[in-house]
Every structure is written in structure tokens, then in C-alpha cells.
């Protein structure tokens, strides 16, 4: 296993920046180990919804987890406001970093992650793991 740690700066898009990092490093299979930071705008797809919810304010990133790959990533994030009210969902484009986002990604060099529409499954492109 290999790991990368990187930091995002104010104004950067959280999802887009992770996707660009994954593409730049040619990560075929990895996962988010850790992310701490803050946002001024959040866009999340909540459970069983096809549209995004958007939130403005100051939010702490209290957790982030998911799989990343040049073949498609699937990341969930939880954020909390100044009162500690926490919400989480599917990370999408539009989450803007407030002060920082410190991200640690693990890379698995013996497999490749792909997203495929599987027969008689969820109806979404799901994770399929291939040995290298």
C-alpha cells in the first residue's frame, strides 16, 4: 500500500480537486483514509435522491470516506455547522474549501477499481474490483 497526503486551499472545489489528484497520480484503486478541513459552500446528494442539496455557511468536515479511481470515485462526507448540527451525503461538485482540507489517500497497487452497471443489481454503476 502507498499513501499520499495533500492539502487544498481556500476556494478549491473538494470533489474536483480530489478527482484531479487521482488523475494526476494515475490512481487505479484507492480510498480516502482521512480528511479534515472546512467549507463555505456544500453540495451533497442525500440518500435516495436524484437532486443535490446546497448549503451556505461555515462547516467543519468531520468525516470523509470512499473509494477513488481514475475509473470513477464514490465519496461520502459529513459536515457540521457552528451549532454542531451534522449532515452527510454523497460528495459532488460544488463543495468549496473555506480554510483548508487536509486529505490522506491510500493506494492499492494490486487491484483496479471500475464502476459498472451490473445486471439484476442496484441500477447504479457499482464498484467492481479487478486484480492487476
C-alpha atoms as a PDB file:
ATOM      1  CA  UNK A   1       0.000   0.000   0.000  1.00  0.00           C
ATOM      2  CA  UNK A   2       1.144   3.503  -0.833  1.00  0.00           C
ATOM      3  CA  UNK A   3      -0.212   6.706   0.718  1.00  0.00           C
ATOM      4  CA  UNK A   4      -0.478  10.325  -0.359  1.00  0.00           C
ATOM      5  CA  UNK A   5      -1.188  13.357   1.779  1.00  0.00           C
ATOM      6  CA  UNK A   6      -2.112  16.710   0.251  1.00  0.00           C
ATOM      7  CA  UNK A   7      -3.729  19.965   1.240  1.00  0.00           C
ATOM      8  CA  UNK A   8      -6.356  22.042  -0.527  1.00  0.00           C
ATOM      9  CA  UNK A   9      -6.526  25.808  -0.188  1.00  0.00           C
ATOM     10  CA  UNK A  10      -9.409  28.279   0.179  1.00  0.00           C
ATOM     11  CA  UNK A  11     -11.826  28.333  -2.754  1.00  0.00           C
ATOM     12  CA  UNK A  12     -10.830  24.983  -4.243  1.00  0.00           C
ATOM     13  CA  UNK A  13     -13.590  22.500  -5.063  1.00  0.00           C
ATOM     14  CA  UNK A  14     -13.259  19.469  -2.773  1.00  0.00           C
ATOM     15  CA  UNK A  15     -14.532  16.788  -5.181  1.00  0.00           C
ATOM     16  CA  UNK A  16     -12.933  18.222  -8.313  1.00  0.00           C
ATOM     17  CA  UNK A  17      -9.564  18.624  -6.575  1.00  0.00           C
ATOM     18  CA  UNK A  18      -9.599  15.017  -5.369  1.00  0.00           C
ATOM     19  CA  UNK A  19     -10.505  13.809  -8.874  1.00  0.00           C
ATOM     20  CA  UNK A  20      -7.668  15.883 -10.389  1.00  0.00           C
ATOM     21  CA  UNK A  21      -5.203  14.487  -7.831  1.00  0.00           C
ATOM     22  CA  UNK A  22      -6.330  10.912  -8.577  1.00  0.00           C
ATOM     23  CA  UNK A  23      -5.937  11.531 -12.329  1.00  0.00           C
ATOM     24  CA  UNK A  24      -2.533  13.191 -11.913  1.00  0.00           C
ATOM     25  CA  UNK A  25      -1.202  10.303  -9.798  1.00  0.00           C
ATOM     26  CA  UNK A  26      -2.941   7.716 -12.025  1.00  0.00           C
ATOM     27  CA  UNK A  27      -4.596   6.050  -9.037  1.00  0.00           C
ATOM     28  CA  UNK A  28      -6.473   2.971 -10.260  1.00  0.00           C
ATOM     29  CA  UNK A  29      -7.634   1.872  -6.800  1.00  0.00           C
ATOM     30  CA  UNK A  30      -7.595   3.811  -3.563  1.00  0.00           C
ATOM     31  CA  UNK A  31      -9.575   5.025  -0.593  1.00  0.00           C
ATOM     32  CA  UNK A  32      -9.877   8.178   1.473  1.00  0.00           C
ATOM     33  CA  UNK A  33      -8.255   7.477   4.848  1.00  0.00           C
ATOM     34  CA  UNK A  34      -8.801  10.906   6.347  1.00  0.00           C
ATOM     35  CA  UNK A  35      -9.958  14.429   5.616  1.00  0.00           C
ATOM     36  CA  UNK A  36     -10.202  17.371   7.980  1.00  0.00           C
ATOM     37  CA  UNK A  37     -10.936  20.918   6.996  1.00  0.00           C
ATOM     38  CA  UNK A  38     -13.751  23.344   6.392  1.00  0.00           C
ATOM     39  CA  UNK A  39     -16.192  24.501   3.719  1.00  0.00           C
ATOM     40  CA  UNK A  40     -18.091  27.698   2.931  1.00  0.00           C
ATOM     41  CA  UNK A  41     -20.453  26.011   0.490  1.00  0.00           C
ATOM     42  CA  UNK A  42     -21.534  22.388   0.398  1.00  0.00           C
ATOM     43  CA  UNK A  43     -23.337  20.378  -2.257  1.00  0.00           C
ATOM     44  CA  UNK A  44     -24.486  16.891  -1.255  1.00  0.00           C
ATOM     45  CA  UNK A  45     -26.665  14.216  -2.783  1.00  0.00           C
ATOM     46  CA  UNK A  46     -28.662  12.819   0.110  1.00  0.00           C
ATOM     47  CA  UNK A  47     -29.872   9.223   0.407  1.00  0.00           C
ATOM     48  CA  UNK A  48     -32.212   8.030  -2.328  1.00  0.00           C
ATOM     49  CA  UNK A  49     -32.373  11.448  -4.017  1.00  0.00           C
ATOM     50  CA  UNK A  50     -31.564  12.342  -7.603  1.00  0.00           C
ATOM     51  CA  UNK A  51     -31.033  16.056  -6.916  1.00  0.00           C
ATOM     52  CA  UNK A  52     -28.417  17.861  -4.827  1.00  0.00           C
ATOM     53  CA  UNK A  53     -28.943  19.868  -1.660  1.00  0.00           C
ATOM     54  CA  UNK A  54     -26.820  23.009  -1.309  1.00  0.00           C
ATOM     55  CA  UNK A  55     -25.780  24.706   1.934  1.00  0.00           C
ATOM     56  CA  UNK A  56     -24.059  28.049   2.554  1.00  0.00           C
ATOM     57  CA  UNK A  57     -22.251  28.939   5.770  1.00  0.00           C
ATOM     58  CA  UNK A  58     -19.193  27.761   7.641  1.00  0.00           C
ATOM     59  CA  UNK A  59     -18.884  24.000   8.043  1.00  0.00           C
ATOM     60  CA  UNK A  60     -16.301  21.686   9.546  1.00  0.00           C
ATOM     61  CA  UNK A  61     -15.550  18.486   7.630  1.00  0.00           C
ATOM     62  CA  UNK A  62     -15.997  15.921  10.395  1.00  0.00           C
ATOM     63  CA  UNK A  63     -15.505  12.823   8.251  1.00  0.00           C
ATOM     64  CA  UNK A  64     -14.977  11.728   4.675  1.00  0.00           C
ATOM     65  CA  UNK A  65     -14.687   8.224   3.301  1.00  0.00           C
ATOM     66  CA  UNK A  66     -14.910   6.496  -0.028  1.00  0.00           C
ATOM     67  CA  UNK A  67     -13.221   4.791  -2.922  1.00  0.00           C
ATOM     68  CA  UNK A  68     -11.232   6.693  -5.545  1.00  0.00           C
ATOM     69  CA  UNK A  69     -10.108   5.678  -9.012  1.00  0.00           C
ATOM     70  CA  UNK A  70      -9.363   7.108 -12.422  1.00  0.00           C
ATOM     71  CA  UNK A  71     -12.334   4.929 -13.433  1.00  0.00           C
ATOM     72  CA  UNK A  72     -14.755   6.704 -11.072  1.00  0.00           C
ATOM     73  CA  UNK A  73     -14.844   7.691  -7.413  1.00  0.00           C
ATOM     74  CA  UNK A  74     -17.545   7.308  -4.758  1.00  0.00           C
ATOM     75  CA  UNK A  75     -17.068   9.547  -1.725  1.00  0.00           C
ATOM     76  CA  UNK A  76     -19.299  10.427   1.227  1.00  0.00           C
ATOM     77  CA  UNK A  77     -18.731  13.411   3.509  1.00  0.00           C
ATOM     78  CA  UNK A  78     -20.162  14.610   6.831  1.00  0.00           C
ATOM     79  CA  UNK A  79     -20.106  18.282   7.749  1.00  0.00           C
ATOM     80  CA  UNK A  80     -21.205  20.180  10.849  1.00  0.00           C
ATOM     81  CA  UNK A  81     -22.228  23.811  11.335  1.00  0.00           C
ATOM     82  CA  UNK A  82     -21.385  26.215  14.160  1.00  0.00           C
ATOM     83  CA  UNK A  83     -24.058  24.640  16.362  1.00  0.00           C
ATOM     84  CA  UNK A  84     -22.748  21.128  15.783  1.00  0.00           C
ATOM     85  CA  UNK A  85     -25.661  20.142  13.559  1.00  0.00           C
ATOM     86  CA  UNK A  86     -24.250  17.478  11.275  1.00  0.00           C
ATOM     87  CA  UNK A  87     -25.376  16.319   7.854  1.00  0.00           C
ATOM     88  CA  UNK A  88     -23.805  13.927   5.416  1.00  0.00           C
ATOM     89  CA  UNK A  89     -24.220  12.567   1.941  1.00  0.00           C
ATOM     90  CA  UNK A  90     -22.637  11.820  -1.389  1.00  0.00           C
ATOM     91  CA  UNK A  91     -19.856  14.301  -2.256  1.00  0.00           C
ATOM     92  CA  UNK A  92     -20.445  16.114  -5.558  1.00  0.00           C
ATOM     93  CA  UNK A  93     -19.019  19.137  -7.337  1.00  0.00           C
ATOM     94  CA  UNK A  94     -19.638  22.424  -5.574  1.00  0.00           C
ATOM     95  CA  UNK A  95     -18.107  21.988  -2.111  1.00  0.00           C
ATOM     96  CA  UNK A  96     -15.811  24.987  -1.669  1.00  0.00           C
ATOM     97  CA  UNK A  97     -12.918  24.861   0.800  1.00  0.00           C
ATOM     98  CA  UNK A  98     -13.005  27.592   3.468  1.00  0.00           C
ATOM     99  CA  UNK A  99      -9.600  27.482   5.216  1.00  0.00           C
ATOM    100  CA  UNK A 100      -8.110  24.112   4.302  1.00  0.00           C
ATOM    101  CA  UNK A 101      -8.778  20.462   3.534  1.00  0.00           C
ATOM    102  CA  UNK A 102      -6.076  18.008   4.562  1.00  0.00           C
ATOM    103  CA  UNK A 103      -6.570  14.720   2.718  1.00  0.00           C
ATOM    104  CA  UNK A 104      -4.888  11.327   3.082  1.00  0.00           C
ATOM    105  CA  UNK A 105      -5.422   8.714   0.360  1.00  0.00           C
ATOM    106  CA  UNK A 106      -4.309   5.065   0.422  1.00  0.00           C
ATOM    107  CA  UNK A 107      -3.467   3.410  -2.902  1.00  0.00           C
ATOM    108  CA  UNK A 108      -3.776  -0.338  -3.558  1.00  0.00           C
ATOM    109  CA  UNK A 109      -1.367  -1.286  -6.318  1.00  0.00           C
ATOM    110  CA  UNK A 110      -2.522  -4.898  -6.846  1.00  0.00           C
ATOM    111  CA  UNK A 111      -6.086  -4.090  -7.980  1.00  0.00           C
ATOM    112  CA  UNK A 112      -8.068  -1.798 -10.270  1.00  0.00           C
ATOM    113  CA  UNK A 113     -11.433  -0.291  -9.312  1.00  0.00           C
ATOM    114  CA  UNK A 114     -14.053   0.151 -12.004  1.00  0.00           C
ATOM    115  CA  UNK A 115     -17.684   1.244 -11.937  1.00  0.00           C
ATOM    116  CA  UNK A 116     -20.065  -0.955 -13.910  1.00  0.00           C
ATOM    117  CA  UNK A 117     -23.790  -1.347 -14.332  1.00  0.00           C
ATOM    118  CA  UNK A 118     -24.418  -4.884 -13.078  1.00  0.00           C
ATOM    119  CA  UNK A 119     -27.358  -6.999 -14.180  1.00  0.00           C
ATOM    120  CA  UNK A 120     -30.046  -7.504 -11.500  1.00  0.00           C
ATOM    121  CA  UNK A 121     -28.325  -5.115  -9.098  1.00  0.00           C
ATOM    122  CA  UNK A 122     -28.984  -1.590  -7.773  1.00  0.00           C
ATOM    123  CA  UNK A 123     -29.477   0.184 -11.108  1.00  0.00           C
ATOM    124  CA  UNK A 124     -26.365   2.297 -10.428  1.00  0.00           C
ATOM    125  CA  UNK A 125     -22.822   1.806 -11.651  1.00  0.00           C
ATOM    126  CA  UNK A 126     -21.297  -0.167  -8.776  1.00  0.00           C
ATOM    127  CA  UNK A 127     -17.745  -0.966  -7.714  1.00  0.00           C
ATOM    128  CA  UNK A 128     -16.095  -3.919  -9.416  1.00  0.00           C
ATOM    129  CA  UNK A 129     -12.593  -4.913  -8.316  1.00  0.00           C
ATOM    130  CA  UNK A 130     -10.139  -6.459 -10.788  1.00  0.00           C
ATOM    131  CA  UNK A 131      -6.751  -7.989  -9.987  1.00  0.00           C
ATOM    132  CA  UNK A 132      -3.867  -6.400 -11.864  1.00  0.00           C
END
